[in-house]
């Protein structure tokens, strides 16, 4: 699988959340918070060059956005307004992309 090869090379990190396949519900926003340090380093920190793609159901989109805002606030020390501006700039730069249905 291409994604497995890309992940092995360190080019991507796939964090799947299968909320209905196990007893304890794990949602994508939980997986995102588990990766808070890496997300800040690759997406939020000044000079970072990472990309974030959310694909699948539209349902978690708002919770994912809120989780990223929280990471920017807690890991980056940004105020809420600054975190929202950062997300806006990532969207405009094509570094935060959602393909949801």
PDB file of N, CA and C in Angstrom:
ATOM      1  N   UNK A   1       0.838  -1.191   0.000  1.00  0.00           N
ATOM      2  CA  UNK A   1       0.000   0.000   0.000  1.00  0.00           C
ATOM      3  C   UNK A   1       0.877   1.246   0.000  1.00  0.00           C
ATOM      4  N   UNK A   2       0.538   2.226  -0.827  1.00  0.00           N
ATOM      5  CA  UNK A   2       1.336   3.447  -0.934  1.00  0.00           C
ATOM      6  C   UNK A   2       1.433   4.204   0.377  1.00  0.00           C
ATOM      7  N   UNK A   3       0.315   4.309   1.094  1.00  0.00           N
ATOM      8  CA  UNK A   3       0.348   5.063   2.346  1.00  0.00           C
ATOM      9  C   UNK A   3       1.291   4.426   3.359  1.00  0.00           C
ATOM     10  N   UNK A   4       1.327   3.104   3.414  1.00  0.00           N
ATOM     11  CA  UNK A   4       2.240   2.424   4.337  1.00  0.00           C
ATOM     12  C   UNK A   4       3.687   2.718   3.968  1.00  0.00           C
ATOM     13  N   UNK A   5       3.990   2.724   2.678  1.00  0.00           N
ATOM     14  CA  UNK A   5       5.347   3.039   2.229  1.00  0.00           C
ATOM     15  C   UNK A   5       5.700   4.490   2.551  1.00  0.00           C
ATOM     16  N   UNK A   6       4.764   5.396   2.309  1.00  0.00           N
ATOM     17  CA  UNK A   6       5.005   6.813   2.619  1.00  0.00           C
ATOM     18  C   UNK A   6       5.198   7.014   4.126  1.00  0.00           C
ATOM     19  N   UNK A   7       4.409   6.296   4.914  1.00  0.00           N
ATOM     20  CA  UNK A   7       4.528   6.421   6.366  1.00  0.00           C
ATOM     21  C   UNK A   7       5.882   5.874   6.831  1.00  0.00           C
ATOM     22  N   UNK A   8       6.315   4.774   6.243  1.00  0.00           N
ATOM     23  CA  UNK A   8       7.616   4.194   6.602  1.00  0.00           C
ATOM     24  C   UNK A   8       8.754   5.165   6.291  1.00  0.00           C
ATOM     25  N   UNK A   9       8.596   5.969   5.250  1.00  0.00           N
ATOM     26  CA  UNK A   9       9.597   6.965   4.877  1.00  0.00           C
ATOM     27  C   UNK A   9       9.497   8.241   5.719  1.00  0.00           C
ATOM     28  N   UNK A  10       8.443   8.353   6.516  1.00  0.00           N
ATOM     29  CA  UNK A  10       8.253   9.549   7.323  1.00  0.00           C
ATOM     30  C   UNK A  10       7.603  10.691   6.572  1.00  0.00           C
ATOM     31  N   UNK A  11       7.007  10.399   5.419  1.00  0.00           N
ATOM     32  CA  UNK A  11       6.373  11.440   4.612  1.00  0.00           C
ATOM     33  C   UNK A  11       4.953  11.751   5.071  1.00  0.00           C
ATOM     34  N   UNK A  12       4.260  10.754   5.610  1.00  0.00           N
ATOM     35  CA  UNK A  12       2.896  10.948   6.103  1.00  0.00           C
ATOM     36  C   UNK A  12       2.733  10.214   7.426  1.00  0.00           C
ATOM     37  N   UNK A  13       1.733  10.632   8.149  1.00  0.00           N
ATOM     38  CA  UNK A  13       1.332   9.922   9.373  1.00  0.00           C
ATOM     39  C   UNK A  13      -0.175   9.744   9.273  1.00  0.00           C
ATOM     40  N   UNK A  14      -0.614   8.513   9.178  1.00  0.00           N
ATOM     41  CA  UNK A  14      -2.041   8.213   9.085  1.00  0.00           C
ATOM     42  C   UNK A  14      -2.549   7.856  10.473  1.00  0.00           C
ATOM     43  N   UNK A  15      -3.604   8.524  10.878  1.00  0.00           N
ATOM     44  CA  UNK A  15      -4.221   8.260  12.177  1.00  0.00           C
ATOM     45  C   UNK A  15      -5.688   7.966  11.939  1.00  0.00           C
ATOM     46  N   UNK A  16      -5.993   6.707  11.793  1.00  0.00           N
ATOM     47  CA  UNK A  16      -7.369   6.296  11.560  1.00  0.00           C
ATOM     48  C   UNK A  16      -8.086   6.106  12.884  1.00  0.00           C
ATOM     49  N   UNK A  17      -9.337   6.465  12.913  1.00  0.00           N
ATOM     50  CA  UNK A  17     -10.162   6.268  14.108  1.00  0.00           C
ATOM     51  C   UNK A  17     -11.395   5.480  13.693  1.00  0.00           C
ATOM     52  N   UNK A  18     -11.502   4.289  14.225  1.00  0.00           N
ATOM     53  CA  UNK A  18     -12.629   3.425  13.883  1.00  0.00           C
ATOM     54  C   UNK A  18     -13.565   3.362  15.080  1.00  0.00           C
ATOM     55  N   UNK A  19     -14.441   4.313  15.196  1.00  0.00           N
ATOM     56  CA  UNK A  19     -15.278   4.448  16.390  1.00  0.00           C
ATOM     57  C   UNK A  19     -16.284   3.313  16.565  1.00  0.00           C
ATOM     58  N   UNK A  20     -16.616   2.625  15.529  1.00  0.00           N
ATOM     59  CA  UNK A  20     -17.644   1.586  15.650  1.00  0.00           C
ATOM     60  C   UNK A  20     -17.067   0.167  15.659  1.00  0.00           C
ATOM     61  N   UNK A  21     -15.762   0.050  15.582  1.00  0.00           N
ATOM     62  CA  UNK A  21     -15.136  -1.262  15.502  1.00  0.00           C
ATOM     63  C   UNK A  21     -14.614  -1.782  16.834  1.00  0.00           C
ATOM     64  N   UNK A  22     -14.883  -1.076  17.899  1.00  0.00           N
ATOM     65  CA  UNK A  22     -14.373  -1.498  19.202  1.00  0.00           C
ATOM     66  C   UNK A  22     -15.328  -1.057  20.296  1.00  0.00           C
ATOM     67  N   UNK A  23     -15.134  -1.614  21.480  1.00  0.00           N
ATOM     68  CA  UNK A  23     -16.014  -1.311  22.601  1.00  0.00           C
ATOM     69  C   UNK A  23     -15.898   0.152  23.020  1.00  0.00           C
ATOM     70  N   UNK A  24     -14.659   0.615  23.218  1.00  0.00           N
ATOM     71  CA  UNK A  24     -14.429   2.005  23.614  1.00  0.00           C
ATOM     72  C   UNK A  24     -14.399   2.881  22.362  1.00  0.00           C
ATOM     73  N   UNK A  25     -15.219   3.919  22.354  1.00  0.00           N
ATOM     74  CA  UNK A  25     -15.291   4.810  21.196  1.00  0.00           C
ATOM     75  C   UNK A  25     -14.038   5.661  21.101  1.00  0.00           C
ATOM     76  N   UNK A  26     -13.397   5.631  19.946  1.00  0.00           N
ATOM     77  CA  UNK A  26     -12.227   6.461  19.681  1.00  0.00           C
ATOM     78  C   UNK A  26     -12.546   7.258  18.426  1.00  0.00           C
ATOM     79  N   UNK A  27     -12.573   8.556  18.583  1.00  0.00           N
ATOM     80  CA  UNK A  27     -12.896   9.429  17.462  1.00  0.00           C
ATOM     81  C   UNK A  27     -11.641  10.124  16.969  1.00  0.00           C
ATOM     82  N   UNK A  28     -11.717  10.654  15.758  1.00  0.00           N
ATOM     83  CA  UNK A  28     -10.545  11.247  15.131  1.00  0.00           C
ATOM     84  C   UNK A  28      -9.970  12.394  15.964  1.00  0.00           C
ATOM     85  N   UNK A  29     -10.813  13.176  16.620  1.00  0.00           N
ATOM     86  CA  UNK A  29     -10.290  14.269  17.437  1.00  0.00           C
ATOM     87  C   UNK A  29      -9.460  13.743  18.615  1.00  0.00           C
ATOM     88  N   UNK A  30      -9.782  12.534  19.098  1.00  0.00           N
ATOM     89  CA  UNK A  30      -8.967  11.917  20.153  1.00  0.00           C
ATOM     90  C   UNK A  30      -7.596  11.547  19.603  1.00  0.00           C
ATOM     91  N   UNK A  31      -7.569  10.975  18.408  1.00  0.00           N
ATOM     92  CA  UNK A  31      -6.297  10.605  17.786  1.00  0.00           C
ATOM     93  C   UNK A  31      -5.452  11.851  17.523  1.00  0.00           C
ATOM     94  N   UNK A  32      -6.093  12.930  17.143  1.00  0.00           N
ATOM     95  CA  UNK A  32      -5.380  14.182  16.890  1.00  0.00           C
ATOM     96  C   UNK A  32      -4.734  14.685  18.177  1.00  0.00           C
ATOM     97  N   UNK A  33      -5.461  14.668  19.262  1.00  0.00           N
ATOM     98  CA  UNK A  33      -4.899  15.149  20.527  1.00  0.00           C
ATOM     99  C   UNK A  33      -3.733  14.278  20.991  1.00  0.00           C
ATOM    100  N   UNK A  34      -3.762  12.989  20.667  1.00  0.00           N
ATOM    101  CA  UNK A  34      -2.632  12.109  20.985  1.00  0.00           C
ATOM    102  C   UNK A  34      -1.374  12.528  20.238  1.00  0.00           C
ATOM    103  N   UNK A  35      -1.550  13.175  19.114  1.00  0.00           N
ATOM    104  CA  UNK A  35      -0.429  13.589  18.271  1.00  0.00           C
ATOM    105  C   UNK A  35      -0.138  15.088  18.391  1.00  0.00           C
ATOM    106  N   UNK A  36      -0.571  15.707  19.477  1.00  0.00           N
ATOM    107  CA  UNK A  36      -0.494  17.163  19.619  1.00  0.00           C
ATOM    108  C   UNK A  36       0.921  17.717  19.408  1.00  0.00           C
ATOM    109  N   UNK A  37       1.917  17.079  19.992  1.00  0.00           N
ATOM    110  CA  UNK A  37       3.293  17.590  19.842  1.00  0.00           C
ATOM    111  C   UNK A  37       3.731  17.587  18.381  1.00  0.00           C
ATOM    112  N   UNK A  38       3.489  16.470  17.696  1.00  0.00           N
ATOM    113  CA  UNK A  38       3.881  16.373  16.285  1.00  0.00           C
ATOM    114  C   UNK A  38       3.085  17.335  15.413  1.00  0.00           C
ATOM    115  N   UNK A  39       1.793  17.460  15.705  1.00  0.00           N
ATOM    116  CA  UNK A  39       0.968  18.373  14.916  1.00  0.00           C
ATOM    117  C   UNK A  39       1.453  19.798  15.083  1.00  0.00           C
ATOM    118  N   UNK A  40       1.762  20.195  16.302  1.00  0.00           N
ATOM    119  CA  UNK A  40       2.284  21.547  16.504  1.00  0.00           C
ATOM    120  C   UNK A  40       3.605  21.725  15.764  1.00  0.00           C
ATOM    121  N   UNK A  41       4.496  20.746  15.878  1.00  0.00           N
ATOM    122  CA  UNK A  41       5.813  20.854  15.252  1.00  0.00           C
ATOM    123  C   UNK A  41       5.738  20.949  13.734  1.00  0.00           C
ATOM    124  N   UNK A  42       4.827  20.199  13.135  1.00  0.00           N
ATOM    125  CA  UNK A  42       4.779  20.119  11.670  1.00  0.00           C
ATOM    126  C   UNK A  42       3.737  21.016  11.022  1.00  0.00           C
ATOM    127  N   UNK A  43       2.799  21.532  11.820  1.00  0.00           N
ATOM    128  CA  UNK A  43       1.722  22.330  11.238  1.00  0.00           C
ATOM    129  C   UNK A  43       1.641  23.732  11.832  1.00  0.00           C
ATOM    130  N   UNK A  44       1.885  23.859  13.122  1.00  0.00           N
ATOM    131  CA  UNK A  44       1.659  25.133  13.792  1.00  0.00           C
ATOM    132  C   UNK A  44       2.884  25.991  14.012  1.00  0.00           C
ATOM    133  N   UNK A  45       3.989  25.362  14.341  1.00  0.00           N
ATOM    134  CA  UNK A  45       5.203  26.100  14.680  1.00  0.00           C
ATOM    135  C   UNK A  45       5.671  26.959  13.506  1.00  0.00           C
ATOM    136  N   UNK A  46       6.162  28.137  13.823  1.00  0.00           N
ATOM    137  CA  UNK A  46       6.692  29.045  12.796  1.00  0.00           C
ATOM    138  C   UNK A  46       7.751  28.311  11.971  1.00  0.00           C
ATOM    139  N   UNK A  47       7.622  28.383  10.668  1.00  0.00           N
ATOM    140  CA  UNK A  47       8.563  27.714   9.770  1.00  0.00           C
ATOM    141  C   UNK A  47       8.213  26.266   9.468  1.00  0.00           C
ATOM    142  N   UNK A  48       7.158  25.734  10.094  1.00  0.00           N
ATOM    143  CA  UNK A  48       6.756  24.352   9.815  1.00  0.00           C
ATOM    144  C   UNK A  48       6.237  24.257   8.384  1.00  0.00           C
ATOM    145  N   UNK A  49       6.297  23.050   7.839  1.00  0.00           N
ATOM    146  CA  UNK A  49       5.913  22.880   6.426  1.00  0.00           C
ATOM    147  C   UNK A  49       4.943  21.724   6.209  1.00  0.00           C
ATOM    148  N   UNK A  50       4.324  21.234   7.285  1.00  0.00           N
ATOM    149  CA  UNK A  50       3.437  20.086   7.174  1.00  0.00           C
ATOM    150  C   UNK A  50       2.079  20.426   6.588  1.00  0.00           C
ATOM    151  N   UNK A  51       1.364  19.382   6.256  1.00  0.00           N
ATOM    152  CA  UNK A  51       0.009  19.468   5.710  1.00  0.00           C
ATOM    153  C   UNK A  51      -0.904  18.588   6.543  1.00  0.00           C
ATOM    154  N   UNK A  52      -2.185  18.961   6.605  1.00  0.00           N
ATOM    155  CA  UNK A  52      -3.175  18.197   7.351  1.00  0.00           C
ATOM    156  C   UNK A  52      -4.356  17.938   6.427  1.00  0.00           C
ATOM    157  N   UNK A  53      -4.706  16.656   6.283  1.00  0.00           N
ATOM    158  CA  UNK A  53      -5.835  16.266   5.447  1.00  0.00           C
ATOM    159  C   UNK A  53      -6.841  15.508   6.296  1.00  0.00           C
ATOM    160  N   UNK A  54      -8.085  15.934   6.250  1.00  0.00           N
ATOM    161  CA  UNK A  54      -9.180  15.230   6.902  1.00  0.00           C
ATOM    162  C   UNK A  54     -10.079  14.697   5.803  1.00  0.00           C
ATOM    163  N   UNK A  55     -10.210  13.386   5.761  1.00  0.00           N
ATOM    164  CA  UNK A  55     -11.009  12.751   4.711  1.00  0.00           C
ATOM    165  C   UNK A  55     -12.049  11.842   5.356  1.00  0.00           C
ATOM    166  N   UNK A  56     -13.227  11.829   4.772  1.00  0.00           N
ATOM    167  CA  UNK A  56     -14.278  10.947   5.264  1.00  0.00           C
ATOM    168  C   UNK A  56     -15.533  11.710   5.607  1.00  0.00           C
ATOM    169  N   UNK A  57     -16.184  11.246   6.631  1.00  0.00           N
ATOM    170  CA  UNK A  57     -17.462  11.816   7.045  1.00  0.00           C
ATOM    171  C   UNK A  57     -17.315  13.267   7.492  1.00  0.00           C
ATOM    172  N   UNK A  58     -18.314  14.079   7.173  1.00  0.00           N
ATOM    173  CA  UNK A  58     -18.327  15.483   7.579  1.00  0.00           C
ATOM    174  C   UNK A  58     -18.564  15.638   9.074  1.00  0.00           C
ATOM    175  N   UNK A  59     -19.139  14.626   9.701  1.00  0.00           N
ATOM    176  CA  UNK A  59     -19.552  14.715  11.099  1.00  0.00           C
ATOM    177  C   UNK A  59     -18.448  15.204  12.044  1.00  0.00           C
ATOM    178  N   UNK A  60     -17.206  14.713  11.977  1.00  0.00           N
ATOM    179  CA  UNK A  60     -16.206  15.155  12.954  1.00  0.00           C
ATOM    180  C   UNK A  60     -15.474  16.450  12.584  1.00  0.00           C
ATOM    181  N   UNK A  61     -15.829  17.065  11.478  1.00  0.00           N
ATOM    182  CA  UNK A  61     -15.067  18.215  10.986  1.00  0.00           C
ATOM    183  C   UNK A  61     -14.933  19.335  12.022  1.00  0.00           C
ATOM    184  N   UNK A  62     -16.020  19.696  12.680  1.00  0.00           N
ATOM    185  CA  UNK A  62     -15.975  20.780  13.679  1.00  0.00           C
ATOM    186  C   UNK A  62     -15.138  20.380  14.894  1.00  0.00           C
ATOM    187  N   UNK A  63     -15.244  19.124  15.317  1.00  0.00           N
ATOM    188  CA  UNK A  63     -14.466  18.658  16.461  1.00  0.00           C
ATOM    189  C   UNK A  63     -12.974  18.588  16.139  1.00  0.00           C
ATOM    190  N   UNK A  64     -12.657  18.217  14.915  1.00  0.00           N
ATOM    191  CA  UNK A  64     -11.256  18.193  14.477  1.00  0.00           C
ATOM    192  C   UNK A  64     -10.697  19.610  14.457  1.00  0.00           C
ATOM    193  N   UNK A  65     -11.441  20.538  13.898  1.00  0.00           N
ATOM    194  CA  UNK A  65     -11.017  21.932  13.863  1.00  0.00           C
ATOM    195  C   UNK A  65     -10.769  22.440  15.285  1.00  0.00           C
ATOM    196  N   UNK A  66     -11.698  22.140  16.201  1.00  0.00           N
ATOM    197  CA  UNK A  66     -11.559  22.572  17.598  1.00  0.00           C
ATOM    198  C   UNK A  66     -10.330  21.938  18.247  1.00  0.00           C
ATOM    199  N   UNK A  67     -10.036  20.690  17.932  1.00  0.00           N
ATOM    200  CA  UNK A  67      -8.852  20.024  18.484  1.00  0.00           C
ATOM    201  C   UNK A  67      -7.575  20.708  18.001  1.00  0.00           C
ATOM    202  N   UNK A  68      -7.540  21.091  16.735  1.00  0.00           N
ATOM    203  CA  UNK A  68      -6.359  21.783  16.209  1.00  0.00           C
ATOM    204  C   UNK A  68      -6.196  23.157  16.855  1.00  0.00           C
ATOM    205  N   UNK A  69      -7.297  23.852  17.039  1.00  0.00           N
ATOM    206  CA  UNK A  69      -7.241  25.149  17.730  1.00  0.00           C
ATOM    207  C   UNK A  69      -6.667  24.950  19.134  1.00  0.00           C
ATOM    208  N   UNK A  70      -7.130  23.931  19.824  1.00  0.00           N
ATOM    209  CA  UNK A  70      -6.656  23.655  21.180  1.00  0.00           C
ATOM    210  C   UNK A  70      -5.157  23.356  21.184  1.00  0.00           C
ATOM    211  N   UNK A  71      -4.690  22.607  20.209  1.00  0.00           N
ATOM    212  CA  UNK A  71      -3.255  22.310  20.110  1.00  0.00           C
ATOM    213  C   UNK A  71      -2.464  23.596  19.912  1.00  0.00           C
ATOM    214  N   UNK A  72      -2.939  24.456  19.043  1.00  0.00           N
ATOM    215  CA  UNK A  72      -2.230  25.720  18.797  1.00  0.00           C
ATOM    216  C   UNK A  72      -2.194  26.582  20.059  1.00  0.00           C
ATOM    217  N   UNK A  73      -3.254  26.522  20.837  1.00  0.00           N
ATOM    218  CA  UNK A  73      -3.307  27.301  22.080  1.00  0.00           C
ATOM    219  C   UNK A  73      -2.401  26.690  23.154  1.00  0.00           C
ATOM    220  N   UNK A  74      -2.490  25.372  23.334  1.00  0.00           N
ATOM    221  CA  UNK A  74      -1.758  24.739  24.432  1.00  0.00           C
ATOM    222  C   UNK A  74      -0.292  24.493  24.101  1.00  0.00           C
ATOM    223  N   UNK A  75      -0.002  24.045  22.902  1.00  0.00           N
ATOM    224  CA  UNK A  75       1.385  23.739  22.535  1.00  0.00           C
ATOM    225  C   UNK A  75       2.120  24.971  22.024  1.00  0.00           C
ATOM    226  N   UNK A  76       1.381  25.865  21.375  1.00  0.00           N
ATOM    227  CA  UNK A  76       2.021  27.036  20.784  1.00  0.00           C
ATOM    228  C   UNK A  76       1.850  28.314  21.571  1.00  0.00           C
ATOM    229  N   UNK A  77       1.015  28.259  22.596  1.00  0.00           N
ATOM    230  CA  UNK A  77       0.788  29.453  23.400  1.00  0.00           C
ATOM    231  C   UNK A  77       0.036  30.553  22.666  1.00  0.00           C
ATOM    232  N   UNK A  78      -0.675  30.194  21.601  1.00  0.00           N
ATOM    233  CA  UNK A  78      -1.432  31.186  20.853  1.00  0.00           C
ATOM    234  C   UNK A  78      -2.740  31.501  21.569  1.00  0.00           C
ATOM    235  N   UNK A  79      -3.164  32.739  21.454  1.00  0.00           N
ATOM    236  CA  UNK A  79      -4.496  33.108  21.932  1.00  0.00           C
ATOM    237  C   UNK A  79      -5.506  32.543  20.944  1.00  0.00           C
ATOM    238  N   UNK A  80      -6.758  32.419  21.375  1.00  0.00           N
ATOM    239  CA  UNK A  80      -7.787  31.818  20.534  1.00  0.00           C
ATOM    240  C   UNK A  80      -7.879  32.507  19.171  1.00  0.00           C
ATOM    241  N   UNK A  81      -7.878  33.831  19.162  1.00  0.00           N
ATOM    242  CA  UNK A  81      -7.964  34.567  17.899  1.00  0.00           C
ATOM    243  C   UNK A  81      -6.751  34.281  17.011  1.00  0.00           C
ATOM    244  N   UNK A  82      -5.575  34.191  17.604  1.00  0.00           N
ATOM    245  CA  UNK A  82      -4.356  33.890  16.840  1.00  0.00           C
ATOM    246  C   UNK A  82      -4.416  32.478  16.262  1.00  0.00           C
ATOM    247  N   UNK A  83      -4.932  31.546  17.051  1.00  0.00           N
ATOM    248  CA  UNK A  83      -5.061  30.166  16.592  1.00  0.00           C
ATOM    249  C   UNK A  83      -6.015  30.080  15.396  1.00  0.00           C
ATOM    250  N   UNK A  84      -7.119  30.824  15.452  1.00  0.00           N
ATOM    251  CA  UNK A  84      -8.060  30.837  14.330  1.00  0.00           C
ATOM    252  C   UNK A  84      -7.418  31.476  13.095  1.00  0.00           C
ATOM    253  N   UNK A  85      -6.648  32.522  13.277  1.00  0.00           N
ATOM    254  CA  UNK A  85      -5.947  33.144  12.141  1.00  0.00           C
ATOM    255  C   UNK A  85      -4.937  32.182  11.540  1.00  0.00           C
ATOM    256  N   UNK A  86      -4.259  31.420  12.400  1.00  0.00           N
ATOM    257  CA  UNK A  86      -3.301  30.423  11.923  1.00  0.00           C
ATOM    258  C   UNK A  86      -4.016  29.374  11.077  1.00  0.00           C
ATOM    259  N   UNK A  87      -5.166  28.899  11.543  1.00  0.00           N
ATOM    260  CA  UNK A  87      -5.929  27.920  10.774  1.00  0.00           C
ATOM    261  C   UNK A  87      -6.378  28.506   9.441  1.00  0.00           C
ATOM    262  N   UNK A  88      -6.802  29.754   9.450  1.00  0.00           N
ATOM    263  CA  UNK A  88      -7.210  30.410   8.210  1.00  0.00           C
ATOM    264  C   UNK A  88      -6.041  30.485   7.230  1.00  0.00           C
ATOM    265  N   UNK A  89      -4.868  30.817   7.723  1.00  0.00           N
ATOM    266  CA  UNK A  89      -3.705  30.909   6.835  1.00  0.00           C
ATOM    267  C   UNK A  89      -3.314  29.532   6.297  1.00  0.00           C
ATOM    268  N   UNK A  90      -3.457  28.499   7.120  1.00  0.00           N
ATOM    269  CA  UNK A  90      -3.183  27.137   6.655  1.00  0.00           C
ATOM    270  C   UNK A  90      -4.168  26.727   5.561  1.00  0.00           C
ATOM    271  N   UNK A  91      -5.435  27.079   5.751  1.00  0.00           N
ATOM    272  CA  UNK A  91      -6.437  26.763   4.734  1.00  0.00           C
ATOM    273  C   UNK A  91      -6.124  27.483   3.421  1.00  0.00           C
ATOM    274  N   UNK A  92      -5.805  28.763   3.510  1.00  0.00           N
ATOM    275  CA  UNK A  92      -5.510  29.548   2.305  1.00  0.00           C
ATOM    276  C   UNK A  92      -4.269  29.032   1.584  1.00  0.00           C
ATOM    277  N   UNK A  93      -3.318  28.512   2.354  1.00  0.00           N
ATOM    278  CA  UNK A  93      -2.082  27.980   1.765  1.00  0.00           C
ATOM    279  C   UNK A  93      -2.237  26.550   1.274  1.00  0.00           C
ATOM    280  N   UNK A  94      -3.423  25.955   1.474  1.00  0.00           N
ATOM    281  CA  UNK A  94      -3.650  24.575   1.059  1.00  0.00           C
ATOM    282  C   UNK A  94      -2.975  23.560   1.969  1.00  0.00           C
ATOM    283  N   UNK A  95      -2.657  23.968   3.194  1.00  0.00           N
ATOM    284  CA  UNK A  95      -1.991  23.072   4.143  1.00  0.00           C
ATOM    285  C   UNK A  95      -2.958  22.437   5.129  1.00  0.00           C
ATOM    286  N   UNK A  96      -4.183  22.920   5.172  1.00  0.00           N
ATOM    287  CA  UNK A  96      -5.256  22.283   5.943  1.00  0.00           C
ATOM    288  C   UNK A  96      -6.384  22.033   4.951  1.00  0.00           C
ATOM    289  N   UNK A  97      -6.615  20.768   4.653  1.00  0.00           N
ATOM    290  CA  UNK A  97      -7.555  20.400   3.590  1.00  0.00           C
ATOM    291  C   UNK A  97      -8.560  19.388   4.136  1.00  0.00           C
ATOM    292  N   UNK A  98      -9.820  19.635   3.866  1.00  0.00           N
ATOM    293  CA  UNK A  98     -10.859  18.663   4.219  1.00  0.00           C
ATOM    294  C   UNK A  98     -11.537  18.178   2.954  1.00  0.00           C
ATOM    295  N   UNK A  99     -11.682  16.866   2.881  1.00  0.00           N
ATOM    296  CA  UNK A  99     -12.460  16.229   1.819  1.00  0.00           C
ATOM    297  C   UNK A  99     -13.486  15.363   2.534  1.00  0.00           C
ATOM    298  N   UNK A 100     -14.609  15.995   2.831  1.00  0.00           N
ATOM    299  CA  UNK A 100     -15.628  15.329   3.634  1.00  0.00           C
ATOM    300  C   UNK A 100     -16.958  15.283   2.873  1.00  0.00           C
ATOM    301  N   UNK A 101     -17.777  14.363   3.283  1.00  0.00           N
ATOM    302  CA  UNK A 101     -19.085  14.192   2.624  1.00  0.00           C
ATOM    303  C   UNK A 101     -20.192  14.076   3.617  1.00  0.00           C
TER     304      UNK A 101
END
